Amino acid sequence: CQPAIIADTPESLMTQLESKIHQLVADRLS
């Protein structure tokens, strides 16, 4: 399950998407 991402500002959007993409790329790579 992936909850909806709530980003009110451009900075929040960038930070949260970057974090999510890093998490997805790193998933099962450790």
PDB file of all heavy atoms in Angstrom:
ATOM      1  N   CYS A   1       0.826  -1.218   0.000  1.00  0.00           N
ATOM      2  CA  CYS A   1       0.000   0.000   0.000  1.00  0.00           C
ATOM      3  C   CYS A   1       0.856   1.263   0.000  1.00  0.00           C
ATOM      4  O   CYS A   1       1.789   1.393   0.789  1.00  0.00           O
ATOM      5  CB  CYS A   1      -0.917   0.021   1.221  1.00  0.00           C
ATOM      6  SG  CYS A   1      -2.258  -1.169   1.126  1.00  0.00           S
ATOM      7  N   GLN A   2       0.532   2.160  -0.904  1.00  0.00           N
ATOM      8  CA  GLN A   2       1.210   3.450  -0.999  1.00  0.00           C
ATOM      9  C   GLN A   2       0.176   4.538  -0.698  1.00  0.00           C
ATOM     10  O   GLN A   2      -0.780   4.693  -1.450  1.00  0.00           O
ATOM     11  CB  GLN A   2       1.765   3.660  -2.414  1.00  0.00           C
ATOM     12  CG  GLN A   2       2.804   2.661  -2.832  1.00  0.00           C
ATOM     13  CD  GLN A   2       4.125   2.873  -2.118  1.00  0.00           C
ATOM     14  OE1 GLN A   2       4.467   3.987  -1.729  1.00  0.00           O
ATOM     15  NE2 GLN A   2       4.859   1.799  -1.929  1.00  0.00           N
ATOM     16  N   PRO A   3       0.336   5.271   0.393  1.00  0.00           N
ATOM     17  CA  PRO A   3      -0.629   6.332   0.699  1.00  0.00           C
ATOM     18  C   PRO A   3      -0.494   7.486  -0.295  1.00  0.00           C
ATOM     19  O   PRO A   3       0.544   7.642  -0.944  1.00  0.00           O
ATOM     20  CB  PRO A   3      -0.231   6.776   2.103  1.00  0.00           C
ATOM     21  CG  PRO A   3       1.209   6.420   2.217  1.00  0.00           C
ATOM     22  CD  PRO A   3       1.412   5.186   1.365  1.00  0.00           C
ATOM     23  N   ALA A   4      -1.552   8.280  -0.410  1.00  0.00           N
ATOM     24  CA  ALA A   4      -1.476   9.476  -1.243  1.00  0.00           C
ATOM     25  C   ALA A   4      -0.413  10.406  -0.658  1.00  0.00           C
ATOM     26  O   ALA A   4      -0.270  10.531   0.555  1.00  0.00           O
ATOM     27  CB  ALA A   4      -2.828  10.180  -1.287  1.00  0.00           C
ATOM     28  N   ILE A   5       0.340  11.032  -1.532  1.00  0.00           N
ATOM     29  CA  ILE A   5       1.355  11.999  -1.117  1.00  0.00           C
ATOM     30  C   ILE A   5       0.693  13.375  -1.136  1.00  0.00           C
ATOM     31  O   ILE A   5       0.066  13.739  -2.128  1.00  0.00           O
ATOM     32  CB  ILE A   5       2.559  11.965  -2.083  1.00  0.00           C
ATOM     33  CG1 ILE A   5       3.227  10.589  -2.048  1.00  0.00           C
ATOM     34  CG2 ILE A   5       3.552  13.069  -1.752  1.00  0.00           C
ATOM     35  CD1 ILE A   5       4.213  10.339  -3.165  1.00  0.00           C
ATOM     36  N   ILE A   6       0.822  14.115  -0.052  1.00  0.00           N
ATOM     37  CA  ILE A   6       0.231  15.454   0.007  1.00  0.00           C
ATOM     38  C   ILE A   6       1.365  16.466   0.046  1.00  0.00           C
ATOM     39  O   ILE A   6       2.195  16.459   0.964  1.00  0.00           O
ATOM     40  CB  ILE A   6      -0.691  15.596   1.227  1.00  0.00           C
ATOM     41  CG1 ILE A   6      -1.827  14.582   1.119  1.00  0.00           C
ATOM     42  CG2 ILE A   6      -1.235  17.019   1.318  1.00  0.00           C
ATOM     43  CD1 ILE A   6      -2.709  14.477   2.325  1.00  0.00           C
ATOM     44  N   ALA A   7       1.423  17.301  -0.987  1.00  0.00           N
ATOM     45  CA  ALA A   7       2.489  18.296  -1.114  1.00  0.00           C
ATOM     46  C   ALA A   7       1.850  19.650  -1.389  1.00  0.00           C
ATOM     47  O   ALA A   7       1.281  19.861  -2.455  1.00  0.00           O
ATOM     48  CB  ALA A   7       3.442  17.905  -2.242  1.00  0.00           C
ATOM     49  N   ASP A   8       1.938  20.565  -0.427  1.00  0.00           N
ATOM     50  CA  ASP A   8       1.296  21.875  -0.572  1.00  0.00           C
ATOM     51  C   ASP A   8       2.141  22.894  -1.334  1.00  0.00           C
ATOM     52  O   ASP A   8       1.605  23.841  -1.893  1.00  0.00           O
ATOM     53  CB  ASP A   8       0.942  22.437   0.815  1.00  0.00           C
ATOM     54  CG  ASP A   8      -0.148  21.624   1.495  1.00  0.00           C
ATOM     55  OD1 ASP A   8      -0.854  20.870   0.799  1.00  0.00           O
ATOM     56  OD2 ASP A   8      -0.278  21.730   2.727  1.00  0.00           O
ATOM     57  N   THR A   9       3.460  22.691  -1.346  1.00  0.00           N
ATOM     58  CA  THR A   9       4.343  23.679  -1.985  1.00  0.00           C
ATOM     59  C   THR A   9       5.235  22.995  -3.025  1.00  0.00           C
ATOM     60  O   THR A   9       5.417  21.763  -2.970  1.00  0.00           O
ATOM     61  CB  THR A   9       5.263  24.337  -0.927  1.00  0.00           C
ATOM     62  OG1 THR A   9       6.143  23.319  -0.398  1.00  0.00           O
ATOM     63  CG2 THR A   9       4.456  24.967   0.199  1.00  0.00           C
ATOM     64  N   PRO A  10       5.824  23.778  -3.921  1.00  0.00           N
ATOM     65  CA  PRO A  10       6.755  23.179  -4.888  1.00  0.00           C
ATOM     66  C   PRO A  10       7.923  22.463  -4.199  1.00  0.00           C
ATOM     67  O   PRO A  10       8.342  21.395  -4.629  1.00  0.00           O
ATOM     68  CB  PRO A  10       7.251  24.370  -5.703  1.00  0.00           C
ATOM     69  CG  PRO A  10       6.187  25.401  -5.580  1.00  0.00           C
ATOM     70  CD  PRO A  10       5.598  25.211  -4.215  1.00  0.00           C
ATOM     71  N   GLU A  11       8.421  23.039  -3.107  1.00  0.00           N
ATOM     72  CA  GLU A  11       9.534  22.429  -2.385  1.00  0.00           C
ATOM     73  C   GLU A  11       9.120  21.086  -1.791  1.00  0.00           C
ATOM     74  O   GLU A  11       9.869  20.110  -1.846  1.00  0.00           O
ATOM     75  CB  GLU A  11      10.035  23.355  -1.259  1.00  0.00           C
ATOM     76  CG  GLU A  11      10.659  24.643  -1.738  1.00  0.00           C
ATOM     77  CD  GLU A  11       9.628  25.707  -2.156  1.00  0.00           C
ATOM     78  OE1 GLU A  11       8.435  25.611  -1.798  1.00  0.00           O
ATOM     79  OE2 GLU A  11      10.034  26.635  -2.886  1.00  0.00           O
ATOM     80  N   SER A  12       7.917  21.048  -1.218  1.00  0.00           N
ATOM     81  CA  SER A  12       7.410  19.805  -0.642  1.00  0.00           C
ATOM     82  C   SER A  12       7.207  18.754  -1.730  1.00  0.00           C
ATOM     83  O   SER A  12       7.528  17.577  -1.540  1.00  0.00           O
ATOM     84  CB  SER A  12       6.095  20.070   0.088  1.00  0.00           C
ATOM     85  OG  SER A  12       5.554  18.864   0.572  1.00  0.00           O
ATOM     86  N   LEU A  13       6.685  19.163  -2.871  1.00  0.00           N
ATOM     87  CA  LEU A  13       6.492  18.235  -3.997  1.00  0.00           C
ATOM     88  C   LEU A  13       7.832  17.632  -4.405  1.00  0.00           C
ATOM     89  O   LEU A  13       7.967  16.418  -4.543  1.00  0.00           O
ATOM     90  CB  LEU A  13       5.844  18.960  -5.169  1.00  0.00           C
ATOM     91  CG  LEU A  13       5.666  18.141  -6.450  1.00  0.00           C
ATOM     92  CD1 LEU A  13       4.667  17.017  -6.228  1.00  0.00           C
ATOM     93  CD2 LEU A  13       5.207  19.041  -7.592  1.00  0.00           C
ATOM     94  N   MET A  14       8.826  18.490  -4.583  1.00  0.00           N
ATOM     95  CA  MET A  14      10.151  18.027  -5.007  1.00  0.00           C
ATOM     96  C   MET A  14      10.755  17.077  -3.982  1.00  0.00           C
ATOM     97  O   MET A  14      11.247  16.002  -4.324  1.00  0.00           O
ATOM     98  CB  MET A  14      11.060  19.244  -5.201  1.00  0.00           C
ATOM     99  CG  MET A  14      12.452  18.901  -5.556  1.00  0.00           C
ATOM    100  SD  MET A  14      12.611  18.967  -7.301  1.00  0.00           S
ATOM    101  CE  MET A  14      14.322  19.334  -7.440  1.00  0.00           C
ATOM    102  N   THR A  15      10.706  17.458  -2.714  1.00  0.00           N
ATOM    103  CA  THR A  15      11.291  16.644  -1.650  1.00  0.00           C
ATOM    104  C   THR A  15      10.616  15.287  -1.546  1.00  0.00           C
ATOM    105  O   THR A  15      11.276  14.247  -1.471  1.00  0.00           O
ATOM    106  CB  THR A  15      11.195  17.379  -0.291  1.00  0.00           C
ATOM    107  OG1 THR A  15      11.881  18.623  -0.404  1.00  0.00           O
ATOM    108  CG2 THR A  15      11.781  16.564   0.836  1.00  0.00           C
ATOM    109  N   GLN A  16       9.277  15.295  -1.545  1.00  0.00           N
ATOM    110  CA  GLN A  16       8.554  14.038  -1.361  1.00  0.00           C
ATOM    111  C   GLN A  16       8.680  13.106  -2.568  1.00  0.00           C
ATOM    112  O   GLN A  16       8.818  11.894  -2.417  1.00  0.00           O
ATOM    113  CB  GLN A  16       7.089  14.315  -1.047  1.00  0.00           C
ATOM    114  CG  GLN A  16       6.917  14.937   0.325  1.00  0.00           C
ATOM    115  CD  GLN A  16       5.501  14.882   0.804  1.00  0.00           C
ATOM    116  OE1 GLN A  16       4.960  13.797   0.977  1.00  0.00           O
ATOM    117  NE2 GLN A  16       4.893  16.040   1.008  1.00  0.00           N
ATOM    118  N   LEU A  17       8.635  13.667  -3.776  1.00  0.00           N
ATOM    119  CA  LEU A  17       8.816  12.825  -4.965  1.00  0.00           C
ATOM    120  C   LEU A  17      10.232  12.258  -5.015  1.00  0.00           C
ATOM    121  O   LEU A  17      10.423  11.079  -5.334  1.00  0.00           O
ATOM    122  CB  LEU A  17       8.515  13.603  -6.238  1.00  0.00           C
ATOM    123  CG  LEU A  17       7.044  13.761  -6.599  1.00  0.00           C
ATOM    124  CD1 LEU A  17       6.890  14.576  -7.874  1.00  0.00           C
ATOM    125  CD2 LEU A  17       6.365  12.411  -6.752  1.00  0.00           C
ATOM    126  N   GLU A  18      11.209  13.080  -4.700  1.00  0.00           N
ATOM    127  CA  GLU A  18      12.594  12.615  -4.696  1.00  0.00           C
ATOM    128  C   GLU A  18      12.777  11.490  -3.684  1.00  0.00           C
ATOM    129  O   GLU A  18      13.385  10.464  -3.982  1.00  0.00           O
ATOM    130  CB  GLU A  18      13.515  13.795  -4.358  1.00  0.00           C
ATOM    131  CG  GLU A  18      14.972  13.522  -4.591  1.00  0.00           C
ATOM    132  CD  GLU A  18      15.794  14.794  -4.377  1.00  0.00           C
ATOM    133  OE1 GLU A  18      15.988  15.190  -3.207  1.00  0.00           O
ATOM    134  OE2 GLU A  18      16.225  15.382  -5.385  1.00  0.00           O
ATOM    135  N   SER A  19      12.205  11.663  -2.500  1.00  0.00           N
ATOM    136  CA  SER A  19      12.297  10.642  -1.464  1.00  0.00           C
ATOM    137  C   SER A  19      11.605   9.355  -1.907  1.00  0.00           C
ATOM    138  O   SER A  19      12.140   8.256  -1.731  1.00  0.00           O
ATOM    139  CB  SER A  19      11.664  11.160  -0.170  1.00  0.00           C
ATOM    140  OG  SER A  19      11.606  10.145   0.796  1.00  0.00           O
ATOM    141  N   LYS A  20      10.425   9.469  -2.486  1.00  0.00           N
ATOM    142  CA  LYS A  20       9.670   8.288  -2.928  1.00  0.00           C
ATOM    143  C   LYS A  20      10.418   7.558  -4.041  1.00  0.00           C
ATOM    144  O   LYS A  20      10.506   6.331  -4.047  1.00  0.00           O
ATOM    145  CB  LYS A  20       8.272   8.698  -3.386  1.00  0.00           C
ATOM    146  CG  LYS A  20       7.410   7.542  -3.866  1.00  0.00           C
ATOM    147  CD  LYS A  20       7.264   6.421  -2.860  1.00  0.00           C
ATOM    148  CE  LYS A  20       6.357   6.772  -1.722  1.00  0.00           C
ATOM    149  NZ  LYS A  20       6.176   5.643  -0.777  1.00  0.00           N
ATOM    150  N   ILE A  21      10.964   8.308  -4.982  1.00  0.00           N
ATOM    151  CA  ILE A  21      11.690   7.675  -6.098  1.00  0.00           C
ATOM    152  C   ILE A  21      12.944   6.973  -5.575  1.00  0.00           C
ATOM    153  O   ILE A  21      13.242   5.846  -5.970  1.00  0.00           O
ATOM    154  CB  ILE A  21      12.002   8.705  -7.197  1.00  0.00           C
ATOM    155  CG1 ILE A  21      10.692   9.082  -7.903  1.00  0.00           C
ATOM    156  CG2 ILE A  21      13.018   8.155  -8.195  1.00  0.00           C
ATOM    157  CD1 ILE A  21      10.774  10.284  -8.822  1.00  0.00           C
ATOM    158  N   HIS A  22      13.667   7.604  -4.634  1.00  0.00           N
ATOM    159  CA  HIS A  22      14.836   6.940  -4.037  1.00  0.00           C
ATOM    160  C   HIS A  22      14.403   5.653  -3.342  1.00  0.00           C
ATOM    161  O   HIS A  22      15.075   4.627  -3.444  1.00  0.00           O
ATOM    162  CB  HIS A  22      15.541   7.844  -3.035  1.00  0.00           C
ATOM    163  CG  HIS A  22      16.401   8.886  -3.664  1.00  0.00           C
ATOM    164  ND1 HIS A  22      17.433   8.586  -4.515  1.00  0.00           N
ATOM    165  CD2 HIS A  22      16.383  10.238  -3.573  1.00  0.00           C
ATOM    166  CE1 HIS A  22      18.013   9.694  -4.919  1.00  0.00           C
ATOM    167  NE2 HIS A  22      17.383  10.718  -4.371  1.00  0.00           N
ATOM    168  N   GLN A  23      13.278   5.714  -2.636  1.00  0.00           N
ATOM    169  CA  GLN A  23      12.780   4.531  -1.934  1.00  0.00           C
ATOM    170  C   GLN A  23      12.435   3.428  -2.932  1.00  0.00           C
ATOM    171  O   GLN A  23      12.771   2.269  -2.726  1.00  0.00           O
ATOM    172  CB  GLN A  23      11.551   4.896  -1.104  1.00  0.00           C
ATOM    173  CG  GLN A  23      10.976   3.722  -0.352  1.00  0.00           C
ATOM    174  CD  GLN A  23       9.704   4.103   0.398  1.00  0.00           C
ATOM    175  OE1 GLN A  23       9.284   5.248   0.397  1.00  0.00           O
ATOM    176  NE2 GLN A  23       9.098   3.124   1.030  1.00  0.00           N
ATOM    177  N   LEU A  24      11.776   3.788  -4.037  1.00  0.00           N
ATOM    178  CA  LEU A  24      11.384   2.783  -5.035  1.00  0.00           C
ATOM    179  C   LEU A  24      12.593   2.172  -5.722  1.00  0.00           C
ATOM    180  O   LEU A  24      12.645   0.971  -5.957  1.00  0.00           O
ATOM    181  CB  LEU A  24      10.452   3.405  -6.070  1.00  0.00           C
ATOM    182  CG  LEU A  24       9.105   3.894  -5.538  1.00  0.00           C
ATOM    183  CD1 LEU A  24       8.340   4.627  -6.623  1.00  0.00           C
ATOM    184  CD2 LEU A  24       8.290   2.752  -4.964  1.00  0.00           C
ATOM    185  N   VAL A  25      13.571   3.005  -6.028  1.00  0.00           N
ATOM    186  CA  VAL A  25      14.774   2.507  -6.697  1.00  0.00           C
ATOM    187  C   VAL A  25      15.567   1.613  -5.750  1.00  0.00           C
ATOM    188  O   VAL A  25      16.126   0.598  -6.152  1.00  0.00           O
ATOM    189  CB  VAL A  25      15.643   3.677  -7.204  1.00  0.00           C
ATOM    190  CG1 VAL A  25      16.999   3.202  -7.671  1.00  0.00           C
ATOM    191  CG2 VAL A  25      14.929   4.391  -8.341  1.00  0.00           C
ATOM    192  N   ALA A  26      15.608   1.987  -4.476  1.00  0.00           N
ATOM    193  CA  ALA A  26      16.384   1.224  -3.500  1.00  0.00           C
ATOM    194  C   ALA A  26      15.629   0.012  -2.985  1.00  0.00           C
ATOM    195  O   ALA A  26      16.227  -0.852  -2.354  1.00  0.00           O
ATOM    196  CB  ALA A  26      16.763   2.126  -2.322  1.00  0.00           C
ATOM    197  N   ASP A  27      14.329  -0.092  -3.250  1.00  0.00           N
ATOM    198  CA  ASP A  27      13.524  -1.190  -2.728  1.00  0.00           C
ATOM    199  C   ASP A  27      14.137  -2.529  -3.110  1.00  0.00           C
ATOM    200  O   ASP A  27      14.425  -2.799  -4.252  1.00  0.00           O
ATOM    201  CB  ASP A  27      12.097  -1.095  -3.277  1.00  0.00           C
ATOM    202  CG  ASP A  27      11.151  -2.064  -2.601  1.00  0.00           C
ATOM    203  OD1 ASP A  27      11.336  -2.318  -1.400  1.00  0.00           O
ATOM    204  OD2 ASP A  27      10.242  -2.565  -3.286  1.00  0.00           O
ATOM    205  N   ARG A  28      14.353  -3.359  -2.113  1.00  0.00           N
ATOM    206  CA  ARG A  28      14.910  -4.694  -2.288  1.00  0.00           C
ATOM    207  C   ARG A  28      16.335  -4.702  -2.841  1.00  0.00           C
ATOM    208  O   ARG A  28      16.798  -5.707  -3.343  1.00  0.00           O
ATOM    209  CB  ARG A  28      14.013  -5.539  -3.203  1.00  0.00           C
ATOM    210  CG  ARG A  28      12.748  -5.990  -2.544  1.00  0.00           C
ATOM    211  CD  ARG A  28      12.990  -7.299  -1.872  1.00  0.00           C
ATOM    212  NE  ARG A  28      11.762  -7.751  -1.245  1.00  0.00           N
ATOM    213  CZ  ARG A  28      11.730  -8.413  -0.116  1.00  0.00           C
ATOM    214  NH1 ARG A  28      12.809  -8.697   0.514  1.00  0.00           N
ATOM    215  NH2 ARG A  28      10.597  -8.818   0.393  1.00  0.00           N
ATOM    216  N   LEU A  29      17.027  -3.554  -2.739  1.00  0.00           N
ATOM    217  CA  LEU A  29      18.401  -3.539  -3.207  1.00  0.00           C
ATOM    218  C   LEU A  29      19.390  -3.646  -2.057  1.00  0.00           C
ATOM    219  O   LEU A  29      20.578  -3.646  -2.277  1.00  0.00           O
ATOM    220  CB  LEU A  29      18.681  -2.265  -4.004  1.00  0.00           C
ATOM    221  CG  LEU A  29      17.977  -2.163  -5.341  1.00  0.00           C
ATOM    222  CD1 LEU A  29      18.361  -0.855  -6.032  1.00  0.00           C
ATOM    223  CD2 LEU A  29      18.304  -3.338  -6.238  1.00  0.00           C
ATOM    224  N   SER A  30      18.904  -3.715  -0.847  1.00  0.00           N
ATOM    225  CA  SER A  30      19.791  -3.795   0.305  1.00  0.00           C
ATOM    226  C   SER A  30      19.907  -5.244   0.739  1.00  0.00           C
ATOM    227  O   SER A  30      18.972  -5.806   1.297  1.00  0.00           O
ATOM    228  CB  SER A  30      19.246  -2.945   1.451  1.00  0.00           C
ATOM    229  OG  SER A  30      19.169  -1.615   1.047  1.00  0.00           O
TER     230      SER A  30
END
